[in-house]
């Protein structure tokens, strides 16, 4: 069996649940822009196709002119608070497997 030196995971939604982190960053952006906040469920419905699309959906077509500034606010907050809300889904389950593979 071939051995690999590295494993790569796409963690968003696979091993960790980032919905709360994304909602917090989205609501920070909206708050800074003086706009109404959204529920986690509302933000979750906007997830898919990346952060810029999330911002476009959260702002709506009538505020398309705010996407560039909104994206910057979102990313600044998300980068600074990346692990504030995150809930581990499968990290504990996969860790023993990864350790065994490495041995």
Protein backbone atom coordinates (compact mmCIF):
# COMPACT_ATOMS: atom_id res chain seq x y z
CA UNK A 1 0.00 0.00 0.00
CA UNK A 2 1.45 3.43 -0.92
CA UNK A 3 2.30 5.78 1.91
CA UNK A 4 1.75 9.50 1.69
CA UNK A 5 3.66 12.21 3.52
CA UNK A 6 0.70 14.60 3.52
CA UNK A 7 -3.07 14.53 3.80
CA UNK A 8 -5.26 17.42 2.68
CA UNK A 9 -8.77 18.08 3.99
CA UNK A 10 -11.43 20.55 3.00
CA UNK A 11 -12.58 21.22 6.55
CA UNK A 12 -15.57 23.50 5.96
CA UNK A 13 -18.61 21.40 6.73
CA UNK A 14 -16.66 18.13 6.71
CA UNK A 15 -14.73 17.97 9.96
CA UNK A 16 -15.81 21.32 11.37
CA UNK A 17 -19.04 23.28 11.28
CA UNK A 18 -18.33 26.86 10.22
CA UNK A 19 -21.90 28.16 9.96
CA UNK A 20 -21.72 30.11 13.23
CA UNK A 21 -18.34 31.63 12.24
CA UNK A 22 -19.72 32.67 8.86
CA UNK A 23 -22.86 34.12 10.45
CA UNK A 24 -20.80 36.09 12.98
CA UNK A 25 -18.62 37.56 10.20
CA UNK A 26 -21.65 38.33 8.04
CA UNK A 27 -23.42 40.07 10.90
CA UNK A 28 -20.29 42.05 11.77
CA UNK A 29 -20.24 43.31 8.19
CA UNK A 30 -23.95 44.16 8.27
CA UNK A 31 -23.64 45.90 11.65
CA UNK A 32 -20.70 48.00 10.43
CA UNK A 33 -22.77 49.00 7.39
CA UNK A 34 -25.80 49.89 9.52
CA UNK A 35 -27.91 47.10 8.02
CA UNK A 36 -30.25 44.56 9.68
CA UNK A 37 -28.61 41.41 11.03
CA UNK A 38 -29.41 37.89 9.85
CA UNK A 39 -30.04 34.64 11.70
CA UNK A 40 -27.61 31.74 11.42
CA UNK A 41 -30.26 29.92 9.37
CA UNK A 42 -30.51 32.84 6.95
CA UNK A 43 -26.73 32.98 6.53
CA UNK A 44 -26.63 29.20 6.11
CA UNK A 45 -29.03 29.51 3.17
CA UNK A 46 -26.48 31.83 1.49
CA UNK A 47 -23.50 29.47 1.92
CA UNK A 48 -22.04 27.93 -1.21
CA UNK A 49 -19.73 29.18 -3.96
CA UNK A 50 -17.43 31.11 -1.63
CA UNK A 51 -17.36 34.14 0.63
CA UNK A 52 -17.92 36.76 -2.07
CA UNK A 53 -21.15 35.05 -3.17
CA UNK A 54 -22.21 34.81 0.48
CA UNK A 55 -21.72 38.59 0.79
CA UNK A 56 -23.60 39.23 -2.45
CA UNK A 57 -26.52 37.13 -1.22
CA UNK A 58 -26.50 38.70 2.26
CA UNK A 59 -26.54 42.23 0.84
CA UNK A 60 -29.01 41.51 -1.96
CA UNK A 61 -29.11 42.95 -5.47
CA UNK A 62 -30.28 46.35 -4.25
CA UNK A 63 -26.99 46.75 -2.35
CA UNK A 64 -24.66 45.25 -4.98
CA UNK A 65 -22.60 48.45 -4.88
CA UNK A 66 -21.60 47.56 -1.28
CA UNK A 67 -20.13 44.13 -2.05
CA UNK A 68 -16.47 45.22 -2.29
CA UNK A 69 -16.55 47.07 1.04
CA UNK A 70 -18.70 44.36 2.61
CA UNK A 71 -16.32 41.65 1.50
CA UNK A 72 -13.37 43.49 3.07
CA UNK A 73 -15.23 43.92 6.37
CA UNK A 74 -16.29 40.26 6.34
CA UNK A 75 -12.79 38.93 5.61
CA UNK A 76 -11.08 41.15 8.19
CA UNK A 77 -13.48 39.89 10.87
CA UNK A 78 -13.41 36.27 9.71
CA UNK A 79 -9.59 36.20 9.66
CA UNK A 80 -9.41 37.64 13.19
CA UNK A 81 -12.15 35.41 14.63
CA UNK A 82 -11.74 32.23 12.62
CA UNK A 83 -11.99 29.86 15.59
CA UNK A 84 -14.39 31.75 17.86
CA UNK A 85 -17.56 29.79 17.08
CA UNK A 86 -16.29 26.68 15.35
CA UNK A 87 -17.66 23.35 16.57
CA UNK A 88 -15.69 20.17 15.99
CA UNK A 89 -17.73 17.59 14.09
CA UNK A 90 -15.40 14.82 13.10
CA UNK A 91 -12.01 15.92 14.34
CA UNK A 92 -12.05 13.65 17.38
CA UNK A 93 -13.26 10.73 15.27
CA UNK A 94 -10.61 11.08 12.57
CA UNK A 95 -7.60 11.87 14.83
CA UNK A 96 -6.91 8.24 15.88
CA UNK A 97 -7.06 7.13 12.24
CA UNK A 98 -4.56 9.79 11.19
CA UNK A 99 -2.21 8.84 14.02
CA UNK A 100 -2.42 5.17 13.05
CA UNK A 101 -1.71 5.94 9.39
CA UNK A 102 1.32 7.98 10.35
CA UNK A 103 2.81 5.17 12.43
